[in-house]
Amino acid sequence: MSQRPRRNHSPAFKVKVALAAVKGEKTLAELAQQFDVHPNQITT
């Protein structure tokens, strides 16, 4: 099984995800799917 390369997210991307999470309009699972990250990464 091949792993995908490690990704580094820009500060702008992190802010976008964090603001979407704080708004509370979508669940963590929906946000994780939308931004292609793991839900644990959003909570951290």
PDB file of N, CA and C in Angstrom:
ATOM      1  N   MET A   1       0.851  -1.173   0.000  1.00  0.00           N
ATOM      2  CA  MET A   1       0.000   0.000   0.000  1.00  0.00           C
ATOM      3  C   MET A   1       0.900   1.241   0.000  1.00  0.00           C
ATOM      4  N   SER A   2       0.653   2.134  -0.938  1.00  0.00           N
ATOM      5  CA  SER A   2       1.467   3.346  -0.995  1.00  0.00           C
ATOM      6  C   SER A   2       0.822   4.460  -0.180  1.00  0.00           C
ATOM      7  N   GLN A   3       1.666   5.187   0.523  1.00  0.00           N
ATOM      8  CA  GLN A   3       1.172   6.293   1.333  1.00  0.00           C
ATOM      9  C   GLN A   3       1.278   7.573   0.529  1.00  0.00           C
ATOM     10  N   ARG A   4       0.384   8.505   0.838  1.00  0.00           N
ATOM     11  CA  ARG A   4       0.511   9.765   0.129  1.00  0.00           C
ATOM     12  C   ARG A   4       1.548  10.625   0.840  1.00  0.00           C
ATOM     13  N   PRO A   5       2.215  11.482   0.077  1.00  0.00           N
ATOM     14  CA  PRO A   5       3.295  12.275   0.686  1.00  0.00           C
ATOM     15  C   PRO A   5       2.765  13.217   1.767  1.00  0.00           C
ATOM     16  N   ARG A   6       3.610  13.504   2.711  1.00  0.00           N
ATOM     17  CA  ARG A   6       3.240  14.383   3.816  1.00  0.00           C
ATOM     18  C   ARG A   6       2.951  15.776   3.262  1.00  0.00           C
ATOM     19  N   ARG A   7       1.828  16.349   3.725  1.00  0.00           N
ATOM     20  CA  ARG A   7       1.429  17.666   3.233  1.00  0.00           C
ATOM     21  C   ARG A   7       1.661  18.720   4.308  1.00  0.00           C
ATOM     22  N   ASN A   8       2.099  19.887   3.890  1.00  0.00           N
ATOM     23  CA  ASN A   8       2.258  21.028   4.780  1.00  0.00           C
ATOM     24  C   ASN A   8       1.196  22.052   4.413  1.00  0.00           C
ATOM     25  N   HIS A   9       0.353  22.393   5.373  1.00  0.00           N
ATOM     26  CA  HIS A   9      -0.717  23.337   5.118  1.00  0.00           C
ATOM     27  C   HIS A   9      -0.265  24.750   5.445  1.00  0.00           C
ATOM     28  N   SER A  10      -0.618  25.674   4.573  1.00  0.00           N
ATOM     29  CA  SER A  10      -0.230  27.069   4.776  1.00  0.00           C
ATOM     30  C   SER A  10      -1.041  27.678   5.916  1.00  0.00           C
ATOM     31  N   PRO A  11      -0.516  28.721   6.529  1.00  0.00           N
ATOM     32  CA  PRO A  11      -1.264  29.394   7.590  1.00  0.00           C
ATOM     33  C   PRO A  11      -2.625  29.913   7.114  1.00  0.00           C
ATOM     34  N   ALA A  12      -2.705  30.347   5.868  1.00  0.00           N
ATOM     35  CA  ALA A  12      -3.979  30.839   5.327  1.00  0.00           C
ATOM     36  C   ALA A  12      -5.012  29.716   5.264  1.00  0.00           C
ATOM     37  N   PHE A  13      -4.570  28.513   4.870  1.00  0.00           N
ATOM     38  CA  PHE A  13      -5.473  27.368   4.816  1.00  0.00           C
ATOM     39  C   PHE A  13      -5.967  27.009   6.216  1.00  0.00           C
ATOM     40  N   LYS A  14      -5.060  27.050   7.181  1.00  0.00           N
ATOM     41  CA  LYS A  14      -5.420  26.720   8.559  1.00  0.00           C
ATOM     42  C   LYS A  14      -6.447  27.707   9.105  1.00  0.00           C
ATOM     43  N   VAL A  15      -6.287  28.975   8.776  1.00  0.00           N
ATOM     44  CA  VAL A  15      -7.245  29.989   9.223  1.00  0.00           C
ATOM     45  C   VAL A  15      -8.602  29.739   8.598  1.00  0.00           C
ATOM     46  N   LYS A  16      -8.624  29.392   7.323  1.00  0.00           N
ATOM     47  CA  LYS A  16      -9.885  29.128   6.630  1.00  0.00           C
ATOM     48  C   LYS A  16     -10.627  27.960   7.277  1.00  0.00           C
ATOM     49  N   VAL A  17      -9.900  26.901   7.586  1.00  0.00           N
ATOM     50  CA  VAL A  17     -10.515  25.726   8.217  1.00  0.00           C
ATOM     51  C   VAL A  17     -10.987  26.071   9.628  1.00  0.00           C
ATOM     52  N   ALA A  18     -10.172  26.799  10.371  1.00  0.00           N
ATOM     53  CA  ALA A  18     -10.531  27.154  11.746  1.00  0.00           C
ATOM     54  C   ALA A  18     -11.771  28.042  11.783  1.00  0.00           C
ATOM     55  N   LEU A  19     -11.871  28.998  10.902  1.00  0.00           N
ATOM     56  CA  LEU A  19     -13.041  29.872  10.864  1.00  0.00           C
ATOM     57  C   LEU A  19     -14.302  29.095  10.499  1.00  0.00           C
ATOM     58  N   ALA A  20     -14.169  28.155   9.572  1.00  0.00           N
ATOM     59  CA  ALA A  20     -15.313  27.334   9.198  1.00  0.00           C
ATOM     60  C   ALA A  20     -15.765  26.483  10.380  1.00  0.00           C
ATOM     61  N   ALA A  21     -14.816  25.999  11.177  1.00  0.00           N
ATOM     62  CA  ALA A  21     -15.157  25.176  12.341  1.00  0.00           C
ATOM     63  C   ALA A  21     -15.825  26.018  13.422  1.00  0.00           C
ATOM     64  N   VAL A  22     -15.353  27.245  13.616  1.00  0.00           N
ATOM     65  CA  VAL A  22     -15.900  28.110  14.657  1.00  0.00           C
ATOM     66  C   VAL A  22     -17.322  28.553  14.312  1.00  0.00           C
ATOM     67  N   LYS A  23     -17.589  28.731  13.030  1.00  0.00           N
ATOM     68  CA  LYS A  23     -18.933  29.132  12.608  1.00  0.00           C
ATOM     69  C   LYS A  23     -19.975  28.113  13.043  1.00  0.00           C
ATOM     70  N   GLY A  24     -19.613  26.842  13.001  1.00  0.00           N
ATOM     71  CA  GLY A  24     -20.503  25.787  13.466  1.00  0.00           C
ATOM     72  C   GLY A  24     -21.628  25.454  12.517  1.00  0.00           C
ATOM     73  N   GLU A  25     -21.527  25.849  11.258  1.00  0.00           N
ATOM     74  CA  GLU A  25     -22.580  25.571  10.287  1.00  0.00           C
ATOM     75  C   GLU A  25     -22.540  24.128   9.798  1.00  0.00           C
ATOM     76  N   LYS A  26     -21.367  23.500   9.860  1.00  0.00           N
ATOM     77  CA  LYS A  26     -21.206  22.119   9.407  1.00  0.00           C
ATOM     78  C   LYS A  26     -20.568  21.302  10.520  1.00  0.00           C
ATOM     79  N   THR A  27     -20.742  19.991  10.448  1.00  0.00           N
ATOM     80  CA  THR A  27     -20.125  19.107  11.431  1.00  0.00           C
ATOM     81  C   THR A  27     -18.635  18.952  11.104  1.00  0.00           C
ATOM     82  N   LEU A  28     -17.896  18.425  12.080  1.00  0.00           N
ATOM     83  CA  LEU A  28     -16.468  18.189  11.856  1.00  0.00           C
ATOM     84  C   LEU A  28     -16.235  17.230  10.697  1.00  0.00           C
ATOM     85  N   ALA A  29     -17.082  16.211  10.604  1.00  0.00           N
ATOM     86  CA  ALA A  29     -16.921  15.238   9.525  1.00  0.00           C
ATOM     87  C   ALA A  29     -17.129  15.895   8.162  1.00  0.00           C
ATOM     88  N   GLU A  30     -18.115  16.768   8.065  1.00  0.00           N
ATOM     89  CA  GLU A  30     -18.371  17.457   6.794  1.00  0.00           C
ATOM     90  C   GLU A  30     -17.212  18.388   6.436  1.00  0.00           C
ATOM     91  N   LEU A  31     -16.700  19.105   7.435  1.00  0.00           N
ATOM     92  CA  LEU A  31     -15.565  19.998   7.190  1.00  0.00           C
ATOM     93  C   LEU A  31     -14.325  19.209   6.787  1.00  0.00           C
ATOM     94  N   ALA A  32     -14.104  18.099   7.455  1.00  0.00           N
ATOM     95  CA  ALA A  32     -12.936  17.276   7.142  1.00  0.00           C
ATOM     96  C   ALA A  32     -12.999  16.776   5.700  1.00  0.00           C
ATOM     97  N   GLN A  33     -14.176  16.377   5.273  1.00  0.00           N
ATOM     98  CA  GLN A  33     -14.329  15.908   3.899  1.00  0.00           C
ATOM     99  C   GLN A  33     -14.153  17.068   2.916  1.00  0.00           C
ATOM    100  N   GLN A  34     -14.697  18.216   3.239  1.00  0.00           N
ATOM    101  CA  GLN A  34     -14.612  19.377   2.366  1.00  0.00           C
ATOM    102  C   GLN A  34     -13.162  19.831   2.171  1.00  0.00           C
ATOM    103  N   PHE A  35     -12.385  19.861   3.264  1.00  0.00           N
ATOM    104  CA  PHE A  35     -11.013  20.358   3.192  1.00  0.00           C
ATOM    105  C   PHE A  35      -9.987  19.247   3.024  1.00  0.00           C
ATOM    106  N   ASP A  36     -10.433  17.999   2.934  1.00  0.00           N
ATOM    107  CA  ASP A  36      -9.559  16.835   2.728  1.00  0.00           C
ATOM    108  C   ASP A  36      -8.503  16.714   3.825  1.00  0.00           C
ATOM    109  N   VAL A  37      -8.970  16.796   5.083  1.00  0.00           N
ATOM    110  CA  VAL A  37      -8.107  16.589   6.239  1.00  0.00           C
ATOM    111  C   VAL A  37      -8.823  15.650   7.203  1.00  0.00           C
ATOM    112  N   HIS A  38      -8.106  15.152   8.184  1.00  0.00           N
ATOM    113  CA  HIS A  38      -8.701  14.263   9.178  1.00  0.00           C
ATOM    114  C   HIS A  38      -9.426  15.114  10.232  1.00  0.00           C
ATOM    115  N   PRO A  39     -10.571  14.655  10.746  1.00  0.00           N
ATOM    116  CA  PRO A  39     -11.302  15.440  11.753  1.00  0.00           C
ATOM    117  C   PRO A  39     -10.465  15.804  12.972  1.00  0.00           C
ATOM    118  N   ASN A  40      -9.541  14.923  13.375  1.00  0.00           N
ATOM    119  CA  ASN A  40      -8.678  15.240  14.514  1.00  0.00           C
ATOM    120  C   ASN A  40      -7.801  16.450  14.243  1.00  0.00           C
ATOM    121  N   GLN A  41      -7.429  16.665  12.983  1.00  0.00           N
ATOM    122  CA  GLN A  41      -6.610  17.819  12.654  1.00  0.00           C
ATOM    123  C   GLN A  41      -7.389  19.112  12.830  1.00  0.00           C
ATOM    124  N   ILE A  42      -8.695  19.064  12.637  1.00  0.00           N
ATOM    125  CA  ILE A  42      -9.514  20.260  12.792  1.00  0.00           C
ATOM    126  C   ILE A  42      -9.650  20.606  14.271  1.00  0.00           C
ATOM    127  N   THR A  43      -9.859  19.612  15.111  1.00  0.00           N
ATOM    128  CA  THR A  43     -10.026  19.887  16.531  1.00  0.00           C
ATOM    129  C   THR A  43      -8.731  20.373  17.161  1.00  0.00           C
ATOM    130  N   THR A  44      -7.598  19.960  16.612  1.00  0.00           N
ATOM    131  CA  THR A  44      -6.329  20.426  17.173  1.00  0.00           C
ATOM    132  C   THR A  44      -6.072  21.820  16.725  1.00  0.00           C
TER     133      THR A  44
END
